[in-house]
Amino acid sequence: MHREWERLVEKFVQPLQGLSATQCQQHPRRRTESWNVQQVVVHLVLTYRSTAQLLERCLTLGPPPADRLAPGQIAPRLLVIGLGIFPRGAKAPEFVHPDRLALPAKSGPDLIVLLREELARMDDLLTECEAKFGASPLGSHFAFGPLTARQWRRFHALHGHLHLYQVKSLLRANGRD
């Protein structure tokens, strides 16, 4: 697995390793509309699966014709992919909302395994696409437009770190450090 993603998974180990399935289901006090730990991890897993499906399609059919950046994608792409800054308060699209994947309650160690497996699968597909298509765009992200393998890796690394911070904040809010 790509070293940056391996480091990301390892950063999730510390806060998640001792959590029971019950603890992973706890919402922040007085903010029950916020995601719990499992929902955050499931959201990440769904983003990895979505990208993996796009990459599988690319391997089967070849890269899509070169899409142009839509005017509404220029600023988000520059901000996130270019500068590494995620805007606060952005809502997850429905197709990667944690409610889309009904999983039984999982413990922290189970969530770490799930995260690692899905990242490794997506990483294998990115590596295969990169070997086959080089630096060509492999498909479009709904907010950032067409992305190369390198750009997909950057997006998922930044996105994972954003949600790692969210998990740590959630655990602090629930009295776990």
Protein backbone atom coordinates (compact mmCIF):
# COMPACT_ATOMS: atom_id res chain seq x y z
CA MET A 1 0.00 0.00 0.00
CA HIS A 2 1.15 3.55 -0.74
CA ARG A 3 3.28 4.76 2.17
CA GLU A 4 1.19 7.87 2.78
CA TRP A 5 -1.95 5.75 3.17
CA GLU A 6 -0.17 3.25 5.38
CA ARG A 7 0.78 6.17 7.65
CA LEU A 8 -2.83 7.37 7.58
CA VAL A 9 -4.13 3.98 8.71
CA GLU A 10 -1.50 3.88 11.46
CA LYS A 11 -2.71 7.28 12.67
CA PHE A 12 -6.22 5.83 13.00
CA VAL A 13 -4.89 2.90 15.08
CA GLN A 14 -4.10 4.94 18.20
CA PRO A 15 -7.54 6.50 18.68
CA LEU A 16 -9.50 3.44 17.55
CA GLN A 17 -7.55 0.47 18.91
CA GLY A 18 -9.21 0.24 22.32
CA LEU A 19 -12.76 1.20 21.35
CA SER A 20 -15.61 -1.25 21.82
CA ALA A 21 -18.43 -1.51 19.31
CA THR A 22 -20.62 0.44 21.74
CA GLN A 23 -18.09 3.27 22.00
CA CYS A 24 -17.87 3.46 18.20
CA GLN A 25 -21.64 4.12 18.10
CA GLN A 26 -21.60 7.07 20.51
CA HIS A 27 -22.52 10.45 19.12
CA PRO A 28 -21.08 13.61 20.66
CA ARG A 29 -23.02 14.81 23.68
CA ARG A 30 -25.77 17.26 22.74
CA ARG A 31 -24.98 16.75 19.02
CA THR A 32 -26.70 13.51 18.09
CA GLU A 33 -27.00 14.66 14.46
CA SER A 34 -23.19 14.46 14.16
CA TRP A 35 -21.63 11.25 12.94
CA ASN A 36 -20.23 8.72 15.37
CA VAL A 37 -16.83 7.03 14.93
CA GLN A 38 -18.19 4.13 12.90
CA GLN A 39 -20.10 6.48 10.60
CA VAL A 40 -16.94 8.51 9.92
CA VAL A 41 -14.99 5.36 9.00
CA VAL A 42 -17.87 4.02 6.90
CA HIS A 43 -17.99 7.34 5.02
CA LEU A 44 -14.28 6.97 4.21
CA VAL A 45 -14.82 3.35 3.14
CA LEU A 46 -17.63 4.43 0.81
CA THR A 47 -15.40 7.07 -0.78
CA TYR A 48 -12.71 4.42 -1.36
CA ARG A 49 -15.26 2.04 -2.85
CA SER A 50 -16.65 4.76 -5.10
CA THR A 51 -13.19 5.56 -6.42
CA ALA A 52 -12.43 1.85 -6.80
CA GLN A 53 -15.54 1.43 -8.98
CA LEU A 54 -14.43 4.35 -11.13
CA LEU A 55 -10.96 2.80 -11.48
CA GLU A 56 -12.36 -0.62 -12.36
CA ARG A 57 -14.42 1.03 -15.09
CA CYS A 58 -11.28 2.82 -16.30
CA LEU A 59 -9.34 -0.46 -16.46
CA THR A 60 -12.17 -2.15 -18.37
CA LEU A 61 -13.11 0.64 -20.77
CA GLY A 62 -10.00 2.81 -20.76
CA PRO A 63 -9.78 6.31 -19.40
CA PRO A 64 -12.75 8.50 -20.22
CA PRO A 65 -12.40 11.16 -22.88
CA ALA A 66 -10.68 14.18 -21.41
CA ASP A 67 -13.29 16.07 -19.42
CA ARG A 68 -12.88 19.77 -19.02
CA LEU A 69 -13.02 21.39 -15.66
CA ALA A 70 -16.44 22.92 -15.10
CA PRO A 71 -16.29 26.51 -13.88
CA GLY A 72 -17.61 25.41 -10.48
CA GLN A 73 -14.78 22.88 -10.09
CA ILE A 74 -11.85 25.27 -10.54
CA ALA A 75 -11.85 26.90 -7.09
CA PRO A 76 -12.57 23.68 -5.11
CA ARG A 77 -9.84 21.85 -7.05
CA LEU A 78 -7.30 24.60 -6.41
CA LEU A 79 -8.24 24.83 -2.74
CA VAL A 80 -8.28 21.09 -1.95
CA ILE A 81 -6.05 19.32 -4.48
CA GLY A 82 -3.68 22.27 -4.96
CA LEU A 83 -3.44 23.79 -1.49
CA GLY A 84 -4.68 20.92 0.68
CA ILE A 85 -7.43 22.97 2.35
CA PHE A 86 -10.88 21.45 2.87
CA PRO A 87 -13.66 23.97 3.35
CA ARG A 88 -15.48 23.63 6.68
CA GLY A 89 -19.06 22.47 6.76
CA ALA A 90 -19.10 20.72 3.38
CA LYS A 91 -21.79 18.03 3.31
CA ALA A 92 -21.04 14.53 2.09
CA PRO A 93 -22.89 13.58 -1.08
CA GLU A 94 -25.62 10.98 -0.60
CA PHE A 95 -23.69 8.20 -2.37
CA VAL A 96 -20.99 8.29 0.34
CA HIS A 97 -23.26 9.01 3.29
CA PRO A 98 -22.67 6.39 6.03
CA ASP A 99 -26.34 5.39 6.05
CA ARG A 100 -25.80 3.87 2.57
CA LEU A 101 -23.88 0.95 4.09
CA ALA A 102 -25.71 -0.94 6.81
CA LEU A 103 -23.04 -2.54 8.95
CA PRO A 104 -23.54 -4.08 12.37
CA ALA A 105 -21.83 -2.23 15.21
CA LYS A 106 -18.08 -2.69 14.86
CA SER A 107 -15.25 -2.20 17.34
CA GLY A 108 -12.33 0.13 16.74
CA PRO A 109 -10.00 -2.74 15.72
CA ASP A 110 -12.65 -4.01 13.28
CA LEU A 111 -12.94 -0.53 11.76
CA ILE A 112 -9.15 -0.34 11.37
CA VAL A 113 -9.17 -3.61 9.43
CA LEU A 114 -12.02 -2.40 7.22
CA LEU A 115 -10.27 0.91 6.54
CA ARG A 116 -6.97 -0.82 5.70
CA GLU A 117 -8.61 -3.38 3.37
CA GLU A 118 -10.55 -0.78 1.41
CA LEU A 119 -7.56 1.55 1.09
CA ALA A 120 -5.36 -1.32 -0.07
CA ARG A 121 -7.92 -2.35 -2.70
CA MET A 122 -8.20 1.19 -4.03
CA ASP A 123 -4.42 1.58 -3.93
CA ASP A 124 -3.94 -1.58 -6.01
CA LEU A 125 -6.36 -0.25 -8.61
CA LEU A 126 -4.69 3.17 -8.69
CA THR A 127 -1.29 1.52 -9.15
CA GLU A 128 -2.65 -0.64 -11.97
CA CYS A 129 -4.28 2.35 -13.69
CA GLU A 130 -1.14 4.43 -13.32
CA ALA A 131 0.98 1.67 -14.85
CA LYS A 132 -1.45 1.29 -17.73
CA PHE A 133 -2.41 4.92 -18.41
CA GLY A 134 0.43 6.99 -16.92
CA ALA A 135 -0.45 10.52 -15.86
CA SER A 136 -3.74 10.62 -17.77
CA PRO A 137 -6.89 11.55 -15.89
CA LEU A 138 -8.60 8.33 -14.79
CA GLY A 139 -12.03 9.75 -14.11
CA SER A 140 -13.80 12.75 -12.68
CA HIS A 141 -14.50 13.62 -9.10
CA PHE A 142 -17.89 15.32 -8.77
CA ALA A 143 -16.36 18.43 -7.13
CA PHE A 144 -12.82 18.53 -8.57
CA GLY A 145 -13.21 17.30 -12.13
CA PRO A 146 -10.83 14.88 -13.88
CA LEU A 147 -8.05 13.53 -11.66
CA THR A 148 -4.86 11.58 -12.31
CA ALA A 149 -3.76 8.74 -10.01
CA ARG A 150 -1.49 11.16 -8.15
CA GLN A 151 -4.36 13.59 -7.65
CA TRP A 152 -6.72 10.83 -6.48
CA ARG A 153 -4.08 9.78 -3.92
CA ARG A 154 -3.70 13.35 -2.72
CA PHE A 155 -7.45 13.83 -2.37
CA HIS A 156 -7.91 10.62 -0.38
CA ALA A 157 -4.93 11.34 1.87
CA LEU A 158 -6.21 14.84 2.66
CA HIS A 159 -9.78 13.61 3.08
CA GLY A 160 -8.62 10.82 5.41
CA HIS A 161 -6.67 13.27 7.58
CA LEU A 162 -9.68 15.56 7.78
CA HIS A 163 -11.77 12.70 9.14
CA LEU A 164 -8.99 11.52 11.45
CA TYR A 165 -9.16 14.94 13.06
CA GLN A 166 -12.95 14.56 13.25
CA VAL A 167 -12.62 11.17 15.00
CA LYS A 168 -10.15 12.57 17.53
CA SER A 169 -12.42 15.56 18.21
CA LEU A 170 -15.41 13.25 18.63
CA LEU A 171 -13.54 11.06 21.10
CA ARG A 172 -12.41 14.13 23.08
CA ALA A 173 -16.02 15.36 23.17
CA ASN A 174 -17.03 11.97 24.59
CA GLY A 175 -14.32 12.10 27.26
CA ARG A 176 -11.80 9.78 25.56
CA ASP A 177 -8.32 11.04 24.77
